[in-house]
Amino acid sequence: MKTTYKNIAVFGGSGFLGRFLINELVKRKYQVINFDIKAPEFPLEEVKFISIDILNREDIAANLANTNFDVVYNLAGFANLDQAVKFPYQTMKLNVLGNLNILDACLQANVSRFVYASSAYALSDKGSIYGISKLTSEKIVEEYGAKHNLSFTILRYGSVYAEENFDNNYIYKLIHNAIITGKIEHHGTGDELREYIHASDAAKLSVDVIEDDLFVNNHVIFTGTEKIKRLELFQMINEILGNKLEIVLQPNAEQNHYRFTPYSYQPTISKKLVANPHLDLGQGIVECIKAVYKSIEE
């Protein structure tokens, strides 16, 4: 069963995943407005941009009231675990209070559906302040759904990557540093497992969930289709680059990231969606390498 939506607000639409999400929404003929504190680097003519601070409650409420939005996505806030560890206070302000401000504005504007971008780290005791902020916001979204009848979908993203230079794009940063320095340095044993998903596939799935009522008031996790060890990823990149890299592992280094799985406990069961067809990891790495060389040459 499908509920038809038309007008979509995306908070954090200028960010890494936000850009892919907006592109996908536009492809599917939705009317989209991008709310972000900074303008997008590659704006679309079809998408209006409004600069907004998610800590400004009045500004958010006024802007949502100006348009009859059917769905609001919240991708704004801290998305980098390591940065969140360094800045715990700012993380909780943006990821929790910012989300709460958007939720309140959704109620005032009679928004039909709220989609919250969470993380697999919401399920993990390895997520530090970042995971805590995401789980806290998940519970607030659930409470608003129960008490105020606001339909929601919570999206728990795994390891997302693409050929884009964003702070929270691990594979791109890894390749960029490897090409510049000639080596890959990793704080860990290299046997950590990940299921990488390309941002374009994650974006498609993120739109799929609003086109099927199965995901109303539900939790969904997005990951890739196959597991790969970090060391295997490094070796794949090294092989593509002609086996010229030095791979340095630091097994005893302190790390906040999970080793094999983000699941430490199960606060709420998620449905897992994978993209089919999807962008193969090897091809995705090649595209990242092309993008890195292009950025270096510019």
Protein backbone atom coordinates (compact mmCIF):
# COMPACT_ATOMS: atom_id res chain seq x y z
CA MET A 1 0.00 0.00 0.00
CA LYS A 2 1.27 3.48 -0.85
CA THR A 3 0.40 6.93 0.46
CA THR A 4 0.99 9.63 -2.14
CA TYR A 5 3.27 12.48 -1.09
CA LYS A 6 4.32 15.56 -3.02
CA ASN A 7 6.16 18.23 -1.02
CA ILE A 8 9.35 17.19 0.78
CA ALA A 9 11.61 19.11 3.19
CA VAL A 10 15.16 17.87 3.68
CA PHE A 11 17.12 19.21 6.65
CA GLY A 12 20.83 18.70 6.02
CA GLY A 13 20.33 18.47 2.27
CA SER A 14 23.70 20.07 1.50
CA GLY A 15 25.59 17.30 3.29
CA PHE A 16 27.10 14.06 2.02
CA LEU A 17 24.04 11.82 2.02
CA GLY A 18 21.64 14.77 1.74
CA ARG A 19 22.89 15.65 -1.73
CA PHE A 20 22.26 12.12 -3.00
CA LEU A 21 18.85 12.02 -1.32
CA ILE A 22 17.73 15.27 -2.94
CA ASN A 23 18.92 14.10 -6.36
CA GLU A 24 16.88 10.90 -5.96
CA LEU A 25 13.78 12.78 -4.79
CA VAL A 26 13.99 15.12 -7.78
CA LYS A 27 14.38 12.16 -10.15
CA ARG A 28 11.11 10.80 -8.78
CA LYS A 29 9.34 14.14 -9.37
CA TYR A 30 8.95 15.25 -5.75
CA GLN A 31 8.92 18.96 -4.92
CA VAL A 32 11.90 19.47 -2.62
CA ILE A 33 13.23 22.28 -0.42
CA ASN A 34 16.70 21.97 1.06
CA PHE A 35 17.14 23.37 4.59
CA ASP A 36 20.76 23.58 5.68
CA ILE A 37 23.10 26.00 7.41
CA LYS A 38 25.27 26.10 4.28
CA ALA A 39 24.40 26.23 0.60
CA PRO A 40 24.92 23.07 -1.49
CA GLU A 41 28.13 22.86 -3.50
CA PHE A 42 26.25 21.52 -6.52
CA PRO A 43 22.74 23.05 -6.37
CA LEU A 44 19.87 21.83 -8.51
CA GLU A 45 17.71 24.41 -10.26
CA GLU A 46 14.58 22.52 -9.24
CA VAL A 47 15.42 22.66 -5.53
CA LYS A 48 14.98 25.78 -3.42
CA PHE A 49 17.61 26.31 -0.73
CA ILE A 50 16.85 27.98 2.60
CA SER A 51 19.66 28.65 5.05
CA ILE A 52 18.61 27.58 8.53
CA ASP A 53 20.10 26.77 11.92
CA ILE A 54 18.35 23.74 13.41
CA LEU A 55 18.85 25.24 16.88
CA ASN A 56 16.59 28.16 15.91
CA ARG A 57 13.11 26.87 16.81
CA GLU A 58 11.20 29.90 15.60
CA ASP A 59 12.93 29.96 12.22
CA ILE A 60 12.24 26.26 11.63
CA ALA A 61 8.58 26.58 12.60
CA ALA A 62 8.06 29.63 10.39
CA ASN A 63 9.62 27.98 7.35
CA LEU A 64 7.73 24.72 7.69
CA ALA A 65 4.48 26.63 8.14
CA ASN A 66 5.03 28.43 4.82
CA THR A 67 4.71 25.24 2.75
CA ASN A 68 2.34 22.33 3.04
CA PHE A 69 5.02 19.66 3.51
CA ASP A 70 3.97 16.02 3.37
CA VAL A 71 7.30 14.54 4.48
CA VAL A 72 10.23 15.97 6.43
CA TYR A 73 13.64 14.27 6.39
CA ASN A 74 16.15 15.17 9.11
CA LEU A 75 19.73 14.43 8.05
CA ALA A 76 21.19 17.45 9.86
CA GLY A 77 23.68 17.49 12.72
CA PHE A 78 26.93 15.69 13.51
CA ALA A 79 27.47 12.67 11.26
CA ASN A 80 31.12 11.89 12.05
CA LEU A 81 31.71 9.65 15.07
CA ASP A 82 35.28 10.79 15.70
CA GLN A 83 34.31 14.46 15.57
CA ALA A 84 31.39 13.76 17.89
CA VAL A 85 33.76 12.24 20.44
CA LYS A 86 35.82 15.45 20.36
CA PHE A 87 32.79 17.72 20.65
CA PRO A 88 30.22 15.96 22.91
CA TYR A 89 28.31 19.08 23.93
CA GLN A 90 27.84 20.31 20.35
CA THR A 91 26.89 16.78 19.29
CA MET A 92 24.09 16.50 21.81
CA LYS A 93 22.84 20.01 21.01
CA LEU A 94 22.66 19.45 17.26
CA ASN A 95 21.66 15.79 17.15
CA VAL A 96 19.13 15.86 19.99
CA LEU A 97 17.88 19.41 20.50
CA GLY A 98 18.06 20.18 16.78
CA ASN A 99 16.00 17.12 16.01
CA LEU A 100 13.51 18.04 18.74
CA ASN A 101 13.10 21.50 17.21
CA ILE A 102 12.29 19.99 13.82
CA LEU A 103 9.83 17.53 15.37
CA ASP A 104 7.96 20.34 17.15
CA ALA A 105 7.75 22.32 13.91
CA CYS A 106 6.40 19.23 12.13
CA LEU A 107 3.56 19.01 14.63
CA GLN A 108 2.69 22.68 14.20
CA ALA A 109 2.76 22.36 10.40
CA ASN A 110 0.69 19.12 10.34
CA VAL A 111 3.41 17.19 8.51
CA SER A 112 2.26 13.69 7.55
CA ARG A 113 5.55 11.79 7.89
CA PHE A 114 8.86 12.36 9.65
CA VAL A 115 11.97 10.48 8.50
CA TYR A 116 14.95 10.51 10.85
CA ALA A 117 18.48 9.68 9.71
CA SER A 118 19.97 7.62 12.52
CA SER A 119 22.93 5.26 12.53
CA ALA A 120 23.82 1.64 13.14
CA TYR A 121 25.79 3.05 16.09
CA ALA A 122 22.50 3.72 17.83
CA LEU A 123 22.54 -0.03 18.49
CA SER A 124 26.13 -0.20 19.68
CA ASP A 125 28.05 0.44 22.88
CA LYS A 126 30.97 1.42 20.61
CA GLY A 127 29.25 4.54 19.33
CA SER A 128 30.26 6.80 22.23
CA ILE A 129 28.47 10.19 22.37
CA TYR A 130 27.51 9.91 18.71
CA GLY A 131 25.61 6.66 19.21
CA ILE A 132 24.02 8.00 22.39
CA SER A 133 22.80 11.11 20.54
CA LYS A 134 21.28 9.01 17.78
CA LEU A 135 19.56 6.55 20.12
CA THR A 136 18.23 9.43 22.24
CA SER A 137 16.73 11.07 19.16
CA GLU A 138 15.26 7.76 18.03
CA LYS A 139 13.43 7.42 21.35
CA ILE A 140 12.16 11.00 21.09
CA VAL A 141 10.86 10.34 17.57
CA GLU A 142 9.11 7.20 18.82
CA GLU A 143 7.58 9.15 21.71
CA TYR A 144 6.26 11.84 19.36
CA GLY A 145 4.80 9.12 17.19
CA ALA A 146 3.01 7.56 20.14
CA LYS A 147 1.87 10.74 21.90
CA HIS A 148 1.18 13.02 18.93
CA ASN A 149 0.29 10.54 16.19
CA LEU A 150 3.15 11.73 13.98
CA SER A 151 3.98 8.98 11.50
CA PHE A 152 7.71 8.31 11.34
CA THR A 153 10.38 6.13 9.81
CA ILE A 154 13.82 5.77 11.41
CA LEU A 155 16.68 5.00 9.02
CA ARG A 156 19.77 3.42 10.55
CA TYR A 157 22.61 3.92 8.09
CA GLY A 158 25.66 1.69 8.09
CA SER A 159 28.96 2.45 6.29
CA VAL A 160 28.02 4.83 3.47
CA TYR A 161 30.59 5.95 0.89
CA ALA A 162 30.83 7.68 -2.50
CA GLU A 163 33.21 9.61 -4.73
CA GLU A 164 32.58 12.82 -2.78
CA ASN A 165 34.94 14.77 -0.52
CA PHE A 166 32.97 14.96 2.72
CA ASP A 167 34.28 14.67 6.28
CA ASN A 168 32.15 11.61 7.05
CA ASN A 169 33.05 9.75 3.82
CA TYR A 170 35.58 7.21 5.14
CA ILE A 171 36.52 5.46 1.87
CA TYR A 172 37.09 8.68 -0.06
CA LYS A 173 39.28 10.12 2.71
CA LEU A 174 41.15 6.81 2.94
CA ILE A 175 41.90 6.80 -0.80
CA HIS A 176 42.82 10.49 -0.85
CA ASN A 177 45.33 10.07 1.98
CA ALA A 178 46.71 6.88 0.41
CA ILE A 179 47.37 8.60 -2.93
CA ILE A 180 48.96 11.64 -1.26
CA THR A 181 51.11 9.76 1.29
CA GLY A 182 51.67 6.42 -0.42
CA LYS A 183 50.37 4.47 2.55
CA ILE A 184 47.28 3.43 4.45
CA GLU A 185 47.44 3.75 8.23
CA HIS A 186 44.75 2.03 10.28
CA HIS A 187 44.07 2.06 14.01
CA GLY A 188 43.03 -1.56 14.42
CA THR A 189 43.82 -5.12 13.43
CA GLY A 190 42.25 -4.90 9.98
CA ASP A 191 39.85 -7.75 10.65
CA GLU A 192 36.96 -5.37 11.43
CA LEU A 193 33.97 -6.23 9.26
CA ARG A 194 31.92 -3.69 7.31
CA GLU A 195 29.09 -3.78 4.76
CA TYR A 196 29.72 -0.68 2.65
CA ILE A 197 26.83 0.85 0.76
CA HIS A 198 27.17 3.51 -1.93
CA ALA A 199 25.38 6.77 -1.13
CA SER A 200 23.33 6.53 -4.33
CA ASP A 201 21.97 3.14 -3.23
CA ALA A 202 21.32 4.44 0.29
CA ALA A 203 19.46 7.41 -1.20
CA LYS A 204 17.25 5.19 -3.37
CA LEU A 205 16.31 3.09 -0.36
CA SER A 206 15.70 6.26 1.67
CA VAL A 207 13.07 7.31 -0.87
CA ASP A 208 11.65 3.80 -1.23
CA VAL A 209 10.58 3.84 2.42
CA ILE A 210 8.18 6.78 1.92
CA GLU A 211 6.61 5.04 -1.06
CA ASP A 212 5.49 2.00 0.95
CA ASP A 213 3.31 2.20 4.06
CA LEU A 214 5.04 -0.95 5.33
CA PHE A 215 7.70 1.36 6.77
CA VAL A 216 5.38 3.73 8.61
CA ASN A 217 6.30 3.81 12.32
CA ASN A 218 9.13 1.42 11.63
CA HIS A 219 12.91 1.16 11.77
CA VAL A 220 15.07 0.27 8.77
CA ILE A 221 18.79 -0.43 8.53
CA PHE A 222 20.71 0.25 5.31
CA THR A 223 23.99 -1.58 4.63
CA GLY A 224 25.77 -3.11 1.67
CA THR A 225 25.14 -6.58 0.34
CA GLU A 226 28.37 -8.25 1.44
CA LYS A 227 30.79 -8.15 4.35
CA ILE A 228 34.41 -7.16 3.85
CA LYS A 229 37.28 -6.89 6.31
CA ARG A 230 39.01 -3.54 6.56
CA LEU A 231 42.33 -5.18 5.57
CA GLU A 232 40.68 -6.66 2.49
CA LEU A 233 39.41 -3.19 1.58
CA PHE A 234 42.95 -1.81 1.95
CA GLN A 235 44.34 -4.62 -0.20
CA MET A 236 41.68 -4.01 -2.86
CA ILE A 237 42.57 -0.31 -3.02
CA ASN A 238 46.28 -1.17 -3.10
CA GLU A 239 45.79 -3.63 -5.95
CA ILE A 240 43.76 -1.15 -8.00
CA LEU A 241 46.54 1.43 -7.48
CA GLY A 242 49.24 -1.00 -8.64
CA ASN A 243 50.36 -2.42 -5.28
CA LYS A 244 52.37 0.73 -4.52
CA LEU A 245 50.96 1.42 -1.07
CA GLU A 246 52.36 0.62 2.35
CA ILE A 247 49.68 -0.73 4.70
CA VAL A 248 50.36 0.05 8.37
CA LEU A 249 48.15 -1.51 11.06
CA GLN A 250 48.17 -0.36 14.68
CA PRO A 251 46.26 -3.13 16.51
CA ASN A 252 46.64 -1.63 19.99
CA ALA A 253 45.43 1.85 19.07
CA GLU A 254 42.36 3.08 20.90
CA GLN A 255 39.25 3.14 18.72
CA ASN A 256 35.59 3.96 19.14
CA HIS A 257 34.41 1.98 16.14
CA TYR A 258 32.90 -1.49 16.31
CA ARG A 259 34.91 -4.53 15.22
CA PHE A 260 32.51 -7.08 13.76
CA THR A 261 28.99 -5.79 14.33
CA PRO A 262 27.30 -2.62 15.59
CA TYR A 263 24.70 -4.67 17.45
CA SER A 264 25.40 -4.62 21.19
CA TYR A 265 21.76 -4.80 22.21
CA GLN A 266 18.40 -4.47 20.51
CA PRO A 267 16.42 -1.40 21.65
CA THR A 268 14.13 -1.76 18.63
CA ILE A 269 14.21 -4.38 15.89
CA SER A 270 15.00 -3.06 12.40
CA LYS A 271 14.06 -4.30 8.95
CA LYS A 272 17.14 -4.47 6.75
CA LEU A 273 16.91 -3.20 3.17
CA VAL A 274 19.60 -3.70 0.53
CA ALA A 275 19.73 -2.19 -2.93
CA ASN A 276 19.15 -4.51 -5.87
CA PRO A 277 20.68 -3.70 -8.27
CA HIS A 278 23.45 -1.90 -6.44
CA LEU A 279 26.82 -0.31 -7.16
CA ASP A 280 29.59 -2.89 -6.72
CA LEU A 281 32.19 -1.94 -4.09
CA GLY A 282 35.10 -2.43 -6.50
CA GLN A 283 33.53 -0.13 -9.08
CA GLY A 284 32.71 2.35 -6.33
CA ILE A 285 36.36 2.39 -5.25
CA VAL A 286 37.47 3.03 -8.84
CA GLU A 287 35.07 6.00 -9.01
CA CYS A 288 36.49 7.31 -5.71
CA ILE A 289 40.03 7.01 -7.07
CA LYS A 290 39.05 8.91 -10.22
CA ALA A 291 37.46 11.65 -8.11
CA VAL A 292 40.53 11.92 -5.85
CA TYR A 293 42.93 12.29 -8.81
CA LYS A 294 40.60 14.87 -10.36
CA SER A 295 40.55 16.89 -7.12
CA ILE A 296 44.34 16.75 -6.87
CA GLU A 297 44.81 17.93 -10.45
CA GLU A 298 42.41 20.87 -10.09
